[in-house]
Amino acid sequence: MYKSGDDLRQDHLVIQILYIIDNIWKRYGLDLKLTLYRVLALSTNDGLIEFVDHAESISSIKKNYKGEIKGYFINNSSPYSRVTALGFDIQILENFISSCAGYSVITYILGIGDRHLDNLMVTKDG
């Protein structure tokens, strides 16, 4: 996706740090199911951001599923999967919890403060 009017150099650096942290965690057996994407700053005013398939903002999910993320997870669960008492695939729940934990730690450590429901994304597999 092409983005104009923003300096993506800092975003590019943060994503590189995310890749490094994710690799370190995996090396020690901790896979937090982070969905990483690429950012390429073309200048101080524009750049490219990789599109993540089947990703939707939490804000959009809340709007489309009556304020609950549960409906989104139920909608994306396979009828052949292990289902939780909440009615959706347990693997989706585990992925969601793991990735939330990972991104929470990383954004805290890096001091990233612009997290809100419009820029927190969830994929159909949690």
N, C-alpha and C. Protein backbone atom coordinates (compact mmCIF):
# COMPACT_ATOMS: atom_id res chain seq x y z
N MET A 1 0.85 -1.15 0.00
CA MET A 1 0.00 0.00 0.00
C MET A 1 0.91 1.23 0.00
N TYR A 2 0.61 2.17 -0.87
CA TYR A 2 1.38 3.41 -0.94
C TYR A 2 0.82 4.41 0.05
N LYS A 3 1.69 5.04 0.83
CA LYS A 3 1.25 6.04 1.81
C LYS A 3 2.03 7.33 1.57
N SER A 4 1.30 8.41 1.39
CA SER A 4 1.91 9.70 1.14
C SER A 4 1.60 10.65 2.29
N GLY A 5 2.51 11.57 2.54
CA GLY A 5 2.29 12.57 3.58
C GLY A 5 2.82 12.17 4.94
N ASP A 6 3.46 11.00 5.04
CA ASP A 6 4.04 10.53 6.30
C ASP A 6 5.49 10.12 6.08
N ASP A 7 6.30 10.37 7.07
CA ASP A 7 7.68 9.91 7.07
C ASP A 7 7.69 8.52 7.71
N LEU A 8 7.93 7.50 6.90
CA LEU A 8 7.86 6.12 7.37
C LEU A 8 9.21 5.56 7.82
N ARG A 9 10.23 6.41 7.91
CA ARG A 9 11.54 5.91 8.31
C ARG A 9 11.53 5.33 9.72
N GLN A 10 10.82 5.98 10.64
CA GLN A 10 10.74 5.46 12.01
C GLN A 10 9.93 4.16 12.04
N ASP A 11 8.85 4.10 11.27
CA ASP A 11 8.06 2.86 11.17
C ASP A 11 8.93 1.72 10.65
N HIS A 12 9.75 2.02 9.64
CA HIS A 12 10.65 1.02 9.06
C HIS A 12 11.60 0.48 10.14
N LEU A 13 12.17 1.37 10.93
CA LEU A 13 13.08 0.97 12.00
C LEU A 13 12.37 0.11 13.04
N VAL A 14 11.18 0.51 13.45
CA VAL A 14 10.42 -0.24 14.46
C VAL A 14 10.11 -1.65 13.95
N ILE A 15 9.71 -1.76 12.69
CA ILE A 15 9.41 -3.09 12.13
C ILE A 15 10.66 -3.96 12.12
N GLN A 16 11.82 -3.39 11.80
CA GLN A 16 13.07 -4.15 11.83
C GLN A 16 13.35 -4.65 13.25
N ILE A 17 13.10 -3.81 14.24
CA ILE A 17 13.28 -4.21 15.64
C ILE A 17 12.30 -5.33 16.01
N LEU A 18 11.06 -5.23 15.52
CA LEU A 18 10.07 -6.29 15.78
C LEU A 18 10.55 -7.63 15.23
N TYR A 19 11.11 -7.63 14.00
CA TYR A 19 11.62 -8.87 13.42
C TYR A 19 12.74 -9.45 14.29
N ILE A 20 13.63 -8.60 14.78
CA ILE A 20 14.73 -9.07 15.62
C ILE A 20 14.20 -9.67 16.92
N ILE A 21 13.30 -8.95 17.59
CA ILE A 21 12.73 -9.44 18.85
C ILE A 21 11.99 -10.76 18.63
N ASP A 22 11.19 -10.83 17.57
CA ASP A 22 10.44 -12.06 17.27
C ASP A 22 11.39 -13.24 17.05
N ASN A 23 12.49 -13.00 16.32
CA ASN A 23 13.47 -14.07 16.08
C ASN A 23 14.15 -14.51 17.38
N ILE A 24 14.46 -13.58 18.25
CA ILE A 24 15.07 -13.93 19.54
C ILE A 24 14.10 -14.76 20.37
N TRP A 25 12.85 -14.31 20.45
CA TRP A 25 11.85 -15.07 21.21
C TRP A 25 11.69 -16.48 20.65
N LYS A 26 11.62 -16.61 19.33
CA LYS A 26 11.46 -17.93 18.71
C LYS A 26 12.67 -18.82 18.98
N ARG A 27 13.86 -18.24 18.97
CA ARG A 27 15.07 -19.00 19.25
C ARG A 27 15.02 -19.63 20.64
N TYR A 28 14.32 -18.98 21.57
CA TYR A 28 14.17 -19.49 22.93
C TYR A 28 12.84 -20.22 23.14
N GLY A 29 12.18 -20.58 22.02
CA GLY A 29 10.97 -21.39 22.11
C GLY A 29 9.71 -20.62 22.42
N LEU A 30 9.72 -19.31 22.23
CA LEU A 30 8.56 -18.48 22.53
C LEU A 30 8.01 -17.87 21.24
N ASP A 31 7.03 -18.55 20.64
CA ASP A 31 6.39 -18.04 19.43
C ASP A 31 5.10 -17.34 19.83
N LEU A 32 5.11 -16.02 19.76
CA LEU A 32 3.94 -15.24 20.17
C LEU A 32 3.02 -14.89 19.00
N LYS A 33 3.16 -15.60 17.90
CA LYS A 33 2.24 -15.50 16.76
C LYS A 33 2.11 -14.06 16.25
N LEU A 34 3.24 -13.33 16.23
CA LEU A 34 3.21 -11.97 15.72
C LEU A 34 3.06 -11.99 14.21
N THR A 35 2.18 -11.16 13.69
CA THR A 35 2.04 -11.00 12.25
C THR A 35 2.85 -9.77 11.87
N LEU A 36 4.00 -10.01 11.26
CA LEU A 36 4.90 -8.93 10.90
C LEU A 36 4.70 -8.57 9.43
N TYR A 37 4.93 -7.34 9.11
CA TYR A 37 4.78 -6.85 7.74
C TYR A 37 5.97 -5.96 7.43
N ARG A 38 6.12 -5.62 6.17
CA ARG A 38 7.26 -4.81 5.75
C ARG A 38 6.85 -3.36 5.53
N VAL A 39 7.80 -2.47 5.80
CA VAL A 39 7.62 -1.04 5.56
C VAL A 39 8.87 -0.56 4.82
N LEU A 40 8.67 0.21 3.76
CA LEU A 40 9.78 0.76 3.00
C LEU A 40 9.56 2.26 2.83
N ALA A 41 10.41 3.04 3.47
CA ALA A 41 10.35 4.50 3.31
C ALA A 41 11.01 4.85 1.99
N LEU A 42 10.27 5.54 1.12
CA LEU A 42 10.81 5.94 -0.18
C LEU A 42 11.45 7.32 -0.11
N SER A 43 10.95 8.15 0.79
CA SER A 43 11.50 9.48 1.03
C SER A 43 11.04 9.91 2.42
N THR A 44 11.24 11.17 2.74
CA THR A 44 10.78 11.67 4.04
C THR A 44 9.29 11.95 4.03
N ASN A 45 8.64 11.72 2.88
CA ASN A 45 7.22 12.07 2.76
C ASN A 45 6.33 10.94 2.24
N ASP A 46 6.91 9.81 1.89
CA ASP A 46 6.08 8.72 1.37
C ASP A 46 6.79 7.38 1.51
N GLY A 47 6.01 6.31 1.32
CA GLY A 47 6.59 4.98 1.42
C GLY A 47 5.57 3.90 1.13
N LEU A 48 6.01 2.67 1.26
CA LEU A 48 5.17 1.51 1.00
C LEU A 48 5.00 0.70 2.28
N ILE A 49 3.78 0.22 2.51
CA ILE A 49 3.48 -0.64 3.65
C ILE A 49 2.86 -1.91 3.11
N GLU A 50 3.39 -3.06 3.52
CA GLU A 50 2.86 -4.34 3.06
C GLU A 50 1.43 -4.54 3.54
N PHE A 51 0.58 -5.00 2.64
CA PHE A 51 -0.81 -5.30 2.95
C PHE A 51 -0.88 -6.68 3.60
N VAL A 52 -1.55 -6.79 4.73
CA VAL A 52 -1.71 -8.07 5.42
C VAL A 52 -3.10 -8.62 5.09
N ASP A 53 -3.13 -9.77 4.42
CA ASP A 53 -4.40 -10.39 4.03
C ASP A 53 -5.27 -10.70 5.24
N HIS A 54 -6.55 -10.51 5.07
CA HIS A 54 -7.56 -10.87 6.08
C HIS A 54 -7.35 -10.17 7.42
N ALA A 55 -6.81 -8.96 7.39
CA ALA A 55 -6.63 -8.19 8.62
C ALA A 55 -7.70 -7.10 8.69
N GLU A 56 -8.20 -6.89 9.88
CA GLU A 56 -9.25 -5.90 10.09
C GLU A 56 -8.98 -5.19 11.42
N SER A 57 -9.26 -3.90 11.46
CA SER A 57 -9.02 -3.15 12.70
C SER A 57 -10.03 -3.59 13.77
N ILE A 58 -9.62 -3.51 15.01
CA ILE A 58 -10.53 -3.85 16.10
C ILE A 58 -11.73 -2.91 16.10
N SER A 59 -11.51 -1.66 15.72
CA SER A 59 -12.61 -0.70 15.62
C SER A 59 -13.66 -1.18 14.62
N SER A 60 -13.20 -1.65 13.46
CA SER A 60 -14.10 -2.16 12.44
C SER A 60 -14.82 -3.43 12.90
N ILE A 61 -14.09 -4.30 13.57
CA ILE A 61 -14.69 -5.54 14.09
C ILE A 61 -15.78 -5.22 15.10
N LYS A 62 -15.49 -4.30 16.01
CA LYS A 62 -16.50 -3.91 17.01
C LYS A 62 -17.74 -3.34 16.33
N LYS A 63 -17.54 -2.57 15.28
CA LYS A 63 -18.67 -1.98 14.55
C LYS A 63 -19.49 -3.05 13.84
N ASN A 64 -18.80 -3.99 13.21
CA ASN A 64 -19.48 -5.02 12.41
C ASN A 64 -20.02 -6.19 13.22
N TYR A 65 -19.55 -6.36 14.45
CA TYR A 65 -19.96 -7.50 15.28
C TYR A 65 -20.56 -7.05 16.60
N LYS A 66 -21.30 -5.98 16.57
CA LYS A 66 -22.07 -5.48 17.73
C LYS A 66 -21.21 -5.29 18.98
N GLY A 67 -20.03 -4.73 18.79
CA GLY A 67 -19.18 -4.39 19.92
C GLY A 67 -18.36 -5.52 20.51
N GLU A 68 -18.42 -6.71 19.90
CA GLU A 68 -17.70 -7.86 20.46
C GLU A 68 -16.80 -8.51 19.43
N ILE A 69 -15.58 -8.79 19.83
CA ILE A 69 -14.64 -9.48 18.95
C ILE A 69 -14.99 -10.97 18.84
N LYS A 70 -15.75 -11.46 19.82
CA LYS A 70 -16.16 -12.87 19.86
C LYS A 70 -16.87 -13.28 18.56
N GLY A 71 -17.77 -12.44 18.07
CA GLY A 71 -18.50 -12.75 16.84
C GLY A 71 -17.58 -12.89 15.64
N TYR A 72 -16.55 -12.07 15.58
CA TYR A 72 -15.56 -12.15 14.51
C TYR A 72 -14.84 -13.49 14.56
N PHE A 73 -14.44 -13.91 15.76
CA PHE A 73 -13.75 -15.19 15.92
C PHE A 73 -14.68 -16.36 15.59
N ILE A 74 -15.93 -16.29 16.01
CA ILE A 74 -16.90 -17.35 15.68
C ILE A 74 -17.07 -17.44 14.18
N ASN A 75 -17.19 -16.30 13.52
CA ASN A 75 -17.39 -16.25 12.07
C ASN A 75 -16.20 -16.85 11.32
N ASN A 76 -15.01 -16.77 11.88
CA ASN A 76 -13.81 -17.25 11.20
C ASN A 76 -13.33 -18.62 11.68
N SER A 77 -14.09 -19.26 12.55
CA SER A 77 -13.73 -20.59 13.03
C SER A 77 -14.21 -21.66 12.05
N SER A 78 -13.39 -22.66 11.88
CA SER A 78 -13.76 -23.79 11.05
C SER A 78 -14.71 -24.69 11.85
N PRO A 79 -15.73 -25.25 11.18
CA PRO A 79 -16.63 -26.16 11.91
C PRO A 79 -15.92 -27.45 12.35
N TYR A 80 -14.71 -27.68 11.84
CA TYR A 80 -13.97 -28.91 12.15
C TYR A 80 -12.88 -28.67 13.20
N SER A 81 -12.84 -27.49 13.79
CA SER A 81 -11.78 -27.17 14.74
C SER A 81 -12.21 -27.46 16.17
N ARG A 82 -11.23 -27.44 17.07
CA ARG A 82 -11.52 -27.57 18.50
C ARG A 82 -12.16 -26.27 18.94
N VAL A 83 -13.35 -26.34 19.45
CA VAL A 83 -14.11 -25.14 19.80
C VAL A 83 -14.08 -24.92 21.30
N THR A 84 -13.89 -23.66 21.71
CA THR A 84 -13.91 -23.30 23.13
C THR A 84 -15.35 -23.22 23.62
N ALA A 85 -15.51 -23.06 24.90
CA ALA A 85 -16.85 -22.89 25.48
C ALA A 85 -17.50 -21.60 24.97
N LEU A 86 -16.68 -20.68 24.45
CA LEU A 86 -17.20 -19.43 23.90
C LEU A 86 -17.75 -19.61 22.49
N GLY A 87 -17.49 -20.76 21.88
CA GLY A 87 -18.06 -21.05 20.57
C GLY A 87 -17.15 -20.82 19.39
N PHE A 88 -15.85 -20.65 19.61
CA PHE A 88 -14.94 -20.49 18.48
C PHE A 88 -13.66 -21.29 18.69
N ASP A 89 -12.89 -21.42 17.63
CA ASP A 89 -11.68 -22.23 17.58
C ASP A 89 -10.69 -21.81 18.67
N ILE A 90 -10.24 -22.77 19.46
CA ILE A 90 -9.31 -22.48 20.55
C ILE A 90 -7.98 -21.95 20.02
N GLN A 91 -7.57 -22.38 18.81
CA GLN A 91 -6.31 -21.89 18.25
C GLN A 91 -6.38 -20.40 17.94
N ILE A 92 -7.54 -19.92 17.50
CA ILE A 92 -7.73 -18.49 17.26
C ILE A 92 -7.56 -17.72 18.57
N LEU A 93 -8.16 -18.23 19.63
CA LEU A 93 -8.04 -17.58 20.95
C LEU A 93 -6.58 -17.57 21.42
N GLU A 94 -5.89 -18.70 21.27
CA GLU A 94 -4.49 -18.77 21.69
C GLU A 94 -3.62 -17.82 20.88
N ASN A 95 -3.84 -17.74 19.56
CA ASN A 95 -3.09 -16.81 18.71
C ASN A 95 -3.33 -15.37 19.13
N PHE A 96 -4.60 -15.04 19.38
CA PHE A 96 -4.96 -13.67 19.77
C PHE A 96 -4.30 -13.28 21.10
N ILE A 97 -4.39 -14.16 22.08
CA ILE A 97 -3.81 -13.87 23.40
C ILE A 97 -2.29 -13.74 23.29
N SER A 98 -1.66 -14.66 22.56
CA SER A 98 -0.19 -14.62 22.42
C SER A 98 0.27 -13.35 21.72
N SER A 99 -0.39 -13.01 20.61
CA SER A 99 0.04 -11.83 19.86
C SER A 99 -0.24 -10.54 20.64
N CYS A 100 -1.34 -10.50 21.37
CA CYS A 100 -1.62 -9.32 22.23
C CYS A 100 -0.53 -9.16 23.27
N ALA A 101 -0.13 -10.26 23.88
CA ALA A 101 0.93 -10.20 24.90
C ALA A 101 2.24 -9.72 24.28
N GLY A 102 2.60 -10.29 23.14
CA GLY A 102 3.85 -9.90 22.47
C GLY A 102 3.88 -8.45 22.07
N TYR A 103 2.82 -8.00 21.41
CA TYR A 103 2.78 -6.60 20.98
C TYR A 103 2.68 -5.64 22.16
N SER A 104 2.03 -6.04 23.24
CA SER A 104 1.95 -5.19 24.43
C SER A 104 3.34 -4.97 25.02
N VAL A 105 4.11 -6.04 25.14
CA VAL A 105 5.46 -5.94 25.69
C VAL A 105 6.33 -5.07 24.78
N ILE A 106 6.28 -5.34 23.48
CA ILE A 106 7.12 -4.60 22.53
C ILE A 106 6.77 -3.12 22.50
N THR A 107 5.49 -2.79 22.42
CA THR A 107 5.12 -1.38 22.35
C THR A 107 5.45 -0.65 23.65
N TYR A 108 5.37 -1.35 24.77
CA TYR A 108 5.75 -0.74 26.05
C TYR A 108 7.25 -0.46 26.07
N ILE A 109 8.05 -1.45 25.70
CA ILE A 109 9.51 -1.30 25.72
C ILE A 109 9.95 -0.19 24.77
N LEU A 110 9.35 -0.14 23.58
CA LEU A 110 9.76 0.85 22.58
C LEU A 110 9.09 2.21 22.80
N GLY A 111 8.16 2.29 23.73
CA GLY A 111 7.50 3.56 24.01
C GLY A 111 6.55 4.01 22.92
N ILE A 112 5.95 3.04 22.23
CA ILE A 112 5.00 3.37 21.16
C ILE A 112 3.67 3.68 21.81
N GLY A 113 3.18 4.90 21.58
CA GLY A 113 1.99 5.33 22.30
C GLY A 113 0.77 5.60 21.46
N ASP A 114 0.84 5.40 20.16
CA ASP A 114 -0.31 5.74 19.32
C ASP A 114 -1.22 4.55 19.05
N ARG A 115 -1.31 3.64 20.00
CA ARG A 115 -2.16 2.46 19.84
C ARG A 115 -3.61 2.83 20.18
N HIS A 116 -4.49 2.60 19.24
CA HIS A 116 -5.93 2.78 19.45
C HIS A 116 -6.65 1.79 18.56
N LEU A 117 -7.95 1.67 18.71
CA LEU A 117 -8.70 0.60 18.04
C LEU A 117 -8.70 0.70 16.52
N ASP A 118 -8.36 1.86 15.97
CA ASP A 118 -8.28 1.99 14.51
C ASP A 118 -6.97 1.48 13.95
N ASN A 119 -5.92 1.39 14.75
CA ASN A 119 -4.66 0.89 14.21
C ASN A 119 -4.18 -0.40 14.88
N LEU A 120 -5.05 -1.04 15.64
CA LEU A 120 -4.78 -2.39 16.14
C LEU A 120 -5.53 -3.36 15.24
N MET A 121 -4.78 -4.22 14.58
CA MET A 121 -5.36 -5.11 13.58
C MET A 121 -5.40 -6.55 14.08
N VAL A 122 -6.40 -7.29 13.59
CA VAL A 122 -6.55 -8.70 13.92
C VAL A 122 -6.77 -9.44 12.61
N THR A 123 -6.11 -10.59 12.46
CA THR A 123 -6.35 -11.42 11.28
C THR A 123 -7.38 -12.48 11.63
N LYS A 124 -7.90 -13.14 10.61
CA LYS A 124 -8.98 -14.11 10.85
C LYS A 124 -8.53 -15.31 11.69
N ASP A 125 -7.22 -15.54 11.77
CA ASP A 125 -6.74 -16.64 12.60
C ASP A 125 -6.26 -16.18 13.98
N GLY A 126 -6.66 -14.97 14.37
CA GLY A 126 -6.38 -14.47 15.71
C GLY A 126 -5.17 -13.59 15.78
